[in-house]
Amino acid sequence: METNPRYYGERYRFDAFCKTVLKHEAIDYIREMKRQASRETSLERLPQTAMNKLCSADDYPSDSTAMCSRIAAVTCRSEASRWPTPLPVCRNRSKAF
């Protein structure tokens, strides 16, 4: 089945229209990427004062140990004891188990 020659002009105009739309869409995309890049700041370029505002530290109750004495309640926090210590090995095992 052959295409009628009078439709070649319509097909050409539609093809040109699609190419123009895609070209301008690509231009808009590049323009938007440049705009975003101009507004964004890399974390490596931030000064230390700005980085201090962004950081946070979590404080969990399991990170500290609370002890009560007759005088006052004392809370101890140790960086080394973050992970629980393993349970001691039971040396007096019953043969029933």
N, C-alpha and C. Protein backbone atom coordinates (compact mmCIF):
# COMPACT_ATOMS: atom_id res chain seq x y z
N MET A 1 0.84 -1.15 0.00
CA MET A 1 0.00 0.00 0.00
C MET A 1 0.91 1.24 0.00
N GLU A 2 0.71 2.11 -0.95
CA GLU A 2 1.54 3.31 -1.07
C GLU A 2 0.83 4.50 -0.45
N THR A 3 1.67 5.43 0.03
CA THR A 3 1.13 6.65 0.61
C THR A 3 0.84 7.65 -0.50
N ASN A 4 -0.24 8.31 -0.36
CA ASN A 4 -0.62 9.32 -1.33
C ASN A 4 0.36 10.49 -1.25
N PRO A 5 0.89 10.99 -2.37
CA PRO A 5 1.87 12.08 -2.33
C PRO A 5 1.37 13.35 -1.66
N ARG A 6 0.08 13.56 -1.62
CA ARG A 6 -0.41 14.80 -1.00
C ARG A 6 -0.26 14.76 0.52
N TYR A 7 -0.09 13.58 1.10
CA TYR A 7 0.10 13.48 2.55
C TYR A 7 1.55 13.67 2.97
N TYR A 8 2.47 13.71 2.01
CA TYR A 8 3.88 13.92 2.36
C TYR A 8 4.08 15.26 3.06
N GLY A 9 3.42 16.28 2.60
CA GLY A 9 3.56 17.61 3.20
C GLY A 9 3.07 17.62 4.64
N GLU A 10 1.95 16.96 4.90
CA GLU A 10 1.42 16.90 6.26
C GLU A 10 2.35 16.10 7.18
N ARG A 11 2.86 15.01 6.65
CA ARG A 11 3.78 14.19 7.45
C ARG A 11 5.05 14.96 7.74
N TYR A 12 5.56 15.71 6.77
CA TYR A 12 6.77 16.50 6.97
C TYR A 12 6.55 17.58 8.02
N ARG A 13 5.41 18.26 7.94
CA ARG A 13 5.13 19.32 8.92
C ARG A 13 4.96 18.75 10.32
N PHE A 14 4.29 17.61 10.43
CA PHE A 14 4.12 16.98 11.74
C PHE A 14 5.47 16.52 12.29
N ASP A 15 6.31 15.95 11.45
CA ASP A 15 7.65 15.52 11.86
C ASP A 15 8.47 16.72 12.32
N ALA A 16 8.41 17.83 11.59
CA ALA A 16 9.14 19.04 11.97
C ALA A 16 8.61 19.60 13.29
N PHE A 17 7.29 19.55 13.47
CA PHE A 17 6.69 20.02 14.72
C PHE A 17 7.17 19.18 15.90
N CYS A 18 7.19 17.86 15.75
CA CYS A 18 7.65 16.98 16.84
C CYS A 18 9.11 17.24 17.18
N LYS A 19 9.95 17.40 16.17
CA LYS A 19 11.37 17.68 16.41
C LYS A 19 11.55 19.01 17.12
N THR A 20 10.76 20.02 16.76
CA THR A 20 10.86 21.33 17.41
C THR A 20 10.44 21.23 18.87
N VAL A 21 9.36 20.51 19.14
CA VAL A 21 8.89 20.35 20.52
C VAL A 21 9.95 19.64 21.36
N LEU A 22 10.53 18.57 20.83
CA LEU A 22 11.56 17.84 21.57
C LEU A 22 12.81 18.69 21.80
N LYS A 23 13.18 19.48 20.81
CA LYS A 23 14.35 20.35 20.95
C LYS A 23 14.14 21.37 22.07
N HIS A 24 12.96 22.00 22.08
CA HIS A 24 12.69 23.00 23.12
C HIS A 24 12.50 22.35 24.49
N GLU A 25 12.02 21.14 24.52
CA GLU A 25 11.92 20.42 25.80
C GLU A 25 13.31 20.14 26.35
N ALA A 26 14.25 19.77 25.48
CA ALA A 26 15.63 19.54 25.91
C ALA A 26 16.26 20.83 26.41
N ILE A 27 15.98 21.95 25.74
CA ILE A 27 16.50 23.25 26.18
C ILE A 27 15.95 23.60 27.56
N ASP A 28 14.65 23.37 27.77
CA ASP A 28 14.04 23.65 29.08
C ASP A 28 14.64 22.77 30.17
N TYR A 29 14.91 21.52 29.84
CA TYR A 29 15.50 20.59 30.81
C TYR A 29 16.90 21.06 31.21
N ILE A 30 17.71 21.43 30.23
CA ILE A 30 19.07 21.90 30.53
C ILE A 30 19.02 23.18 31.34
N ARG A 31 18.10 24.08 31.02
CA ARG A 31 17.96 25.33 31.77
C ARG A 31 17.57 25.05 33.22
N GLU A 32 16.67 24.10 33.43
CA GLU A 32 16.25 23.74 34.79
C GLU A 32 17.39 23.11 35.57
N MET A 33 18.19 22.26 34.94
CA MET A 33 19.34 21.64 35.61
C MET A 33 20.37 22.70 36.01
N LYS A 34 20.61 23.68 35.14
CA LYS A 34 21.55 24.77 35.47
C LYS A 34 21.01 25.60 36.64
N ARG A 35 19.70 25.85 36.65
CA ARG A 35 19.10 26.62 37.74
C ARG A 35 19.24 25.88 39.07
N GLN A 36 18.99 24.57 39.06
CA GLN A 36 19.13 23.79 40.28
C GLN A 36 20.58 23.75 40.74
N ALA A 37 21.51 23.61 39.79
CA ALA A 37 22.93 23.55 40.15
C ALA A 37 23.39 24.87 40.74
N SER A 38 22.84 25.98 40.28
CA SER A 38 23.25 27.28 40.84
C SER A 38 22.72 27.47 42.25
N ARG A 39 21.62 26.82 42.60
CA ARG A 39 21.05 26.96 43.95
C ARG A 39 21.61 25.96 44.94
N GLU A 40 22.11 24.84 44.48
CA GLU A 40 22.62 23.81 45.38
C GLU A 40 24.05 24.12 45.79
N THR A 41 24.38 23.72 47.01
CA THR A 41 25.73 23.88 47.53
C THR A 41 26.24 22.51 47.95
N SER A 42 27.45 22.20 47.56
CA SER A 42 28.05 20.93 47.93
C SER A 42 28.38 20.94 49.42
N LEU A 43 28.24 19.80 50.07
CA LEU A 43 28.57 19.72 51.50
C LEU A 43 30.05 19.95 51.74
N GLU A 44 30.88 19.68 50.75
CA GLU A 44 32.32 19.89 50.90
C GLU A 44 32.67 21.37 50.96
N ARG A 45 31.82 22.22 50.38
CA ARG A 45 32.11 23.65 50.33
C ARG A 45 31.53 24.42 51.52
N LEU A 46 30.73 23.75 52.35
CA LEU A 46 30.14 24.43 53.50
C LEU A 46 31.20 24.71 54.56
N PRO A 47 31.13 25.87 55.21
CA PRO A 47 32.04 26.12 56.33
C PRO A 47 31.67 25.26 57.53
N GLN A 48 32.60 25.14 58.46
CA GLN A 48 32.39 24.27 59.61
C GLN A 48 31.23 24.73 60.48
N THR A 49 30.99 26.03 60.57
CA THR A 49 29.87 26.52 61.38
C THR A 49 28.53 26.06 60.81
N ALA A 50 28.42 26.05 59.49
CA ALA A 50 27.19 25.57 58.86
C ALA A 50 27.04 24.06 59.02
N MET A 51 28.15 23.34 58.96
CA MET A 51 28.10 21.89 59.15
C MET A 51 27.68 21.55 60.58
N ASN A 52 28.11 22.35 61.55
CA ASN A 52 27.72 22.10 62.94
C ASN A 52 26.22 22.27 63.14
N LYS A 53 25.60 23.15 62.37
CA LYS A 53 24.15 23.32 62.47
C LYS A 53 23.40 22.12 61.90
N LEU A 54 24.01 21.45 60.93
CA LEU A 54 23.34 20.32 60.27
C LEU A 54 23.47 19.01 61.03
N CYS A 55 24.53 18.85 61.81
CA CYS A 55 24.75 17.56 62.46
C CYS A 55 23.90 17.44 63.73
N SER A 56 23.64 16.21 64.10
CA SER A 56 22.90 15.95 65.33
C SER A 56 23.44 14.68 65.96
N ALA A 57 23.25 14.58 67.24
CA ALA A 57 23.71 13.40 67.98
C ALA A 57 22.51 12.81 68.70
N ASP A 58 22.38 11.52 68.62
CA ASP A 58 21.30 10.82 69.30
C ASP A 58 21.77 10.39 70.68
N ASP A 59 20.88 10.51 71.65
CA ASP A 59 21.20 10.11 73.01
C ASP A 59 20.14 9.10 73.45
N TYR A 60 20.57 7.87 73.60
CA TYR A 60 19.66 6.79 73.98
C TYR A 60 19.89 6.42 75.45
N PRO A 61 18.83 6.05 76.16
CA PRO A 61 18.99 5.65 77.56
C PRO A 61 19.89 4.42 77.72
N SER A 62 19.96 3.58 76.71
CA SER A 62 20.79 2.39 76.83
C SER A 62 22.28 2.71 76.73
N ASP A 63 22.63 3.93 76.32
CA ASP A 63 24.04 4.32 76.24
C ASP A 63 24.62 4.69 77.60
N SER A 64 23.78 4.87 78.59
CA SER A 64 24.28 5.29 79.90
C SER A 64 23.79 4.32 80.98
N THR A 65 24.46 4.37 82.09
CA THR A 65 24.12 3.53 83.23
C THR A 65 23.75 4.42 84.40
N ALA A 66 22.62 4.17 85.00
CA ALA A 66 22.18 4.97 86.14
C ALA A 66 22.37 4.17 87.42
N MET A 67 22.95 4.84 88.40
CA MET A 67 23.16 4.21 89.71
C MET A 67 22.64 5.14 90.79
N CYS A 68 22.00 4.58 91.77
CA CYS A 68 21.49 5.38 92.88
C CYS A 68 22.30 5.07 94.14
N SER A 69 22.67 6.10 94.83
CA SER A 69 23.34 5.93 96.12
C SER A 69 22.50 6.66 97.17
N ARG A 70 23.00 6.69 98.39
CA ARG A 70 22.25 7.37 99.45
C ARG A 70 22.27 8.88 99.26
N ILE A 71 23.29 9.37 98.57
CA ILE A 71 23.44 10.82 98.44
C ILE A 71 22.71 11.35 97.19
N ALA A 72 22.97 10.75 96.04
CA ALA A 72 22.38 11.27 94.80
C ALA A 72 22.34 10.17 93.74
N ALA A 73 21.60 10.45 92.70
CA ALA A 73 21.56 9.54 91.55
C ALA A 73 22.66 9.94 90.58
N VAL A 74 23.41 8.97 90.11
CA VAL A 74 24.54 9.22 89.22
C VAL A 74 24.29 8.51 87.89
N THR A 75 24.55 9.22 86.80
CA THR A 75 24.43 8.63 85.47
C THR A 75 25.81 8.62 84.83
N CYS A 76 26.25 7.46 84.42
CA CYS A 76 27.57 7.32 83.79
C CYS A 76 27.37 7.00 82.31
N ARG A 77 28.15 7.65 81.50
CA ARG A 77 28.08 7.39 80.06
C ARG A 77 29.47 7.05 79.57
N SER A 78 29.58 5.91 78.94
CA SER A 78 30.88 5.45 78.46
C SER A 78 30.79 5.17 76.98
N GLU A 79 31.74 5.71 76.21
CA GLU A 79 31.78 5.45 74.77
C GLU A 79 32.21 4.01 74.49
N ALA A 80 33.05 3.46 75.35
CA ALA A 80 33.57 2.11 75.11
C ALA A 80 32.51 1.05 75.34
N SER A 81 31.55 1.33 76.20
CA SER A 81 30.55 0.30 76.52
C SER A 81 29.26 0.50 75.74
N ARG A 82 29.37 0.85 74.50
CA ARG A 82 28.18 1.03 73.67
C ARG A 82 27.52 -0.31 73.35
N TRP A 83 28.31 -1.33 73.14
CA TRP A 83 27.76 -2.63 72.80
C TRP A 83 27.66 -3.47 74.07
N PRO A 84 26.63 -4.27 74.18
CA PRO A 84 26.48 -5.08 75.39
C PRO A 84 27.59 -6.13 75.48
N THR A 85 28.02 -6.37 76.68
CA THR A 85 29.06 -7.38 76.89
C THR A 85 28.43 -8.75 76.80
N PRO A 86 29.15 -9.74 76.30
CA PRO A 86 28.57 -11.08 76.19
C PRO A 86 28.35 -11.68 77.58
N LEU A 87 27.40 -12.56 77.65
CA LEU A 87 27.10 -13.23 78.91
C LEU A 87 28.25 -14.17 79.28
N PRO A 88 28.51 -14.34 80.58
CA PRO A 88 29.58 -15.25 80.98
C PRO A 88 29.20 -16.70 80.67
N VAL A 89 30.20 -17.49 80.44
CA VAL A 89 29.98 -18.90 80.11
C VAL A 89 29.58 -19.64 81.38
N CYS A 90 28.55 -20.43 81.28
CA CYS A 90 28.09 -21.21 82.42
C CYS A 90 28.96 -22.46 82.53
N ARG A 91 29.68 -22.58 83.63
CA ARG A 91 30.60 -23.71 83.79
C ARG A 91 29.93 -24.90 84.49
N ASN A 92 28.88 -24.66 85.24
CA ASN A 92 28.20 -25.73 85.97
C ASN A 92 26.94 -26.14 85.22
N ARG A 93 27.13 -26.77 84.11
CA ARG A 93 25.98 -27.18 83.31
C ARG A 93 25.37 -28.46 83.87
N SER A 94 24.09 -28.48 83.81
CA SER A 94 23.39 -29.69 84.23
C SER A 94 23.38 -30.67 83.07
N LYS A 95 23.54 -31.93 83.37
CA LYS A 95 23.56 -32.93 82.30
C LYS A 95 22.16 -33.19 81.76
N ALA A 96 21.15 -32.68 82.43
CA ALA A 96 19.78 -32.89 81.97
C ALA A 96 19.50 -32.07 80.71
N PHE A 97 20.22 -30.99 80.53
CA PHE A 97 19.98 -30.14 79.36
C PHE A 97 20.94 -30.48 78.30
